[in-house]
Amino acid sequence: LEPDSAVRVKGYMKIGELSRRCDVSIRMLRYYEAEGLLTPRRTETGYRDYAQVDEQTVERIKLLGSAGMTLATIKQFASCIRGEGRIFEPCDELRTTLHGHLRAIDQKAGQLLQNRRVLEKFILDVES
């Protein structure tokens, strides 16, 4: 079976399909590849062919990004997020970083709560 044939190789998908399945732009997928986060195989004519593990990797990148991690931080743990298992089990280094992010979030939440109390007091003083 030729890699470029019209018959799809089971388990592989083109960039447009991965884009649709992950709800990530093709441009962003290319960026992830340029940054070393994705390593799709290439067909003889140069088309990208993504495996299921690439889809899982993109979903993990999205998950970490939605939690406030920058792509630069995520890149540090590229090998950690490329696992083939269905369940995402971060490596020890990523766990340490995640704990640091949790502490930062807790600090920000505390500061926001303090800001809220100041604003509430201001409103109550003005309305009294």
Protein backbone atom coordinates (compact mmCIF):
# COMPACT_ATOMS: atom_id res chain seq x y z
CA LEU A 1 0.00 0.00 0.00
CA GLU A 2 1.49 3.32 -1.07
CA PRO A 3 1.47 5.97 1.68
CA ASP A 4 -0.07 8.52 -0.70
CA SER A 5 -2.79 6.26 -2.05
CA ALA A 6 -6.40 7.33 -1.77
CA VAL A 7 -6.97 4.51 0.70
CA ARG A 8 -6.34 5.76 4.22
CA VAL A 9 -3.86 3.88 6.33
CA LYS A 10 -5.80 2.78 9.38
CA GLY A 11 -5.16 5.01 12.36
CA TYR A 12 -3.66 7.93 10.43
CA MET A 13 -5.27 11.21 9.46
CA LYS A 14 -4.40 14.28 7.44
CA ILE A 15 -3.92 17.68 9.04
CA GLY A 16 -7.45 18.87 8.21
CA GLU A 17 -9.02 15.90 9.95
CA LEU A 18 -6.85 16.39 13.04
CA SER A 19 -7.77 20.07 13.01
CA ARG A 20 -11.49 19.24 12.97
CA ARG A 21 -11.25 16.50 15.57
CA CYS A 22 -9.28 18.65 18.01
CA ASP A 23 -10.92 21.99 17.17
CA VAL A 24 -7.47 23.52 16.58
CA SER A 25 -6.55 25.50 13.49
CA ILE A 26 -4.28 23.97 10.87
CA ARG A 27 -1.96 26.91 11.41
CA MET A 28 -1.71 26.07 15.13
CA LEU A 29 -1.00 22.42 14.35
CA ARG A 30 1.83 23.50 12.07
CA TYR A 31 3.11 25.75 14.83
CA TYR A 32 3.04 22.85 17.31
CA GLU A 33 5.06 20.85 14.80
CA ALA A 34 7.56 23.69 14.31
CA GLU A 35 7.94 23.89 18.08
CA GLY A 36 8.62 20.14 18.29
CA LEU A 37 5.40 19.20 20.06
CA LEU A 38 4.06 17.16 17.15
CA THR A 39 6.06 14.91 14.87
CA PRO A 40 3.73 13.58 12.18
CA ARG A 41 5.04 11.11 9.70
CA ARG A 42 5.33 12.36 6.13
CA THR A 43 4.04 10.68 3.02
CA GLU A 44 6.26 10.38 -0.04
CA THR A 45 4.74 13.58 -1.40
CA GLY A 46 5.30 15.45 1.87
CA TYR A 47 1.80 15.41 3.32
CA ARG A 48 1.57 15.19 7.08
CA ASP A 49 0.01 12.00 8.42
CA TYR A 50 -1.04 12.13 12.06
CA ALA A 51 -1.58 9.16 14.35
CA GLN A 52 -3.98 8.78 17.29
CA VAL A 53 -1.13 9.68 19.65
CA ASP A 54 -0.88 13.08 17.92
CA GLU A 55 -4.55 13.71 18.62
CA GLN A 56 -4.00 12.85 22.28
CA THR A 57 -0.97 15.13 22.38
CA VAL A 58 -2.98 18.06 20.98
CA GLU A 59 -5.75 17.47 23.53
CA ARG A 60 -3.16 17.47 26.32
CA ILE A 61 -1.61 20.69 25.01
CA LYS A 62 -5.08 22.26 24.99
CA LEU A 63 -5.79 21.01 28.52
CA LEU A 64 -2.56 22.43 29.92
CA GLY A 65 -3.04 25.67 27.96
CA SER A 66 -6.57 26.09 29.29
CA ALA A 67 -5.12 25.76 32.80
CA GLY A 68 -2.88 28.75 32.14
CA MET A 69 0.37 27.08 31.11
CA THR A 70 2.25 28.78 28.32
CA LEU A 71 3.38 26.88 25.25
CA ALA A 72 6.99 27.52 26.29
CA THR A 73 6.34 25.69 29.56
CA ILE A 74 4.44 22.91 27.83
CA LYS A 75 7.36 22.47 25.41
CA GLN A 76 9.65 21.65 28.33
CA PHE A 77 7.60 18.52 28.90
CA ALA A 78 6.97 17.45 25.31
CA SER A 79 8.05 13.87 26.01
CA CYS A 80 5.74 13.81 29.03
CA ILE A 81 2.59 14.72 27.12
CA ARG A 82 3.15 12.38 24.18
CA GLY A 83 2.10 9.27 26.07
CA GLU A 84 0.01 6.79 24.18
CA GLY A 85 -2.24 5.90 27.09
CA ARG A 86 -5.79 7.16 27.22
CA ILE A 87 -5.24 8.58 30.70
CA PHE A 88 -2.88 11.52 31.01
CA GLU A 89 -0.32 10.72 33.67
CA PRO A 90 2.19 13.58 33.88
CA CYS A 91 5.85 12.79 34.54
CA ASP A 92 7.44 13.88 37.84
CA GLU A 93 8.94 17.07 36.38
CA LEU A 94 5.57 18.14 35.02
CA ARG A 95 3.88 17.32 38.33
CA THR A 96 6.34 19.65 40.08
CA THR A 97 5.58 22.42 37.58
CA LEU A 98 1.84 21.82 37.93
CA HIS A 99 2.11 22.14 41.72
CA GLY A 100 3.91 25.45 41.19
CA HIS A 101 1.10 26.63 38.92
CA LEU A 102 -1.46 25.61 41.53
CA ARG A 103 0.36 27.67 44.18
CA ALA A 104 0.42 30.66 41.81
CA ILE A 105 -3.31 30.27 41.12
CA ASP A 106 -4.02 30.08 44.86
CA GLN A 107 -2.02 33.29 45.39
CA LYS A 108 -3.90 35.05 42.60
CA ALA A 109 -7.23 33.83 43.98
CA GLY A 110 -6.30 35.15 47.40
CA GLN A 111 -5.34 38.51 45.95
CA LEU A 112 -8.59 38.68 43.96
CA LEU A 113 -10.59 37.88 47.10
CA GLN A 114 -8.77 40.65 48.95
CA ASN A 115 -9.48 43.06 46.06
CA ARG A 116 -13.15 42.07 46.18
CA ARG A 117 -13.34 42.80 49.90
CA VAL A 118 -11.81 46.25 49.37
CA LEU A 119 -14.33 47.04 46.61
CA GLU A 120 -17.25 45.76 48.70
CA LYS A 121 -16.14 47.91 51.62
CA PHE A 122 -15.83 50.92 49.31
CA ILE A 123 -19.34 50.35 47.94
CA LEU A 124 -20.81 49.92 51.43
CA ASP A 125 -19.06 53.08 52.68
CA VAL A 126 -20.32 55.08 49.67
CA GLU A 127 -23.90 53.79 49.99
CA SER A 128 -24.08 54.42 53.74
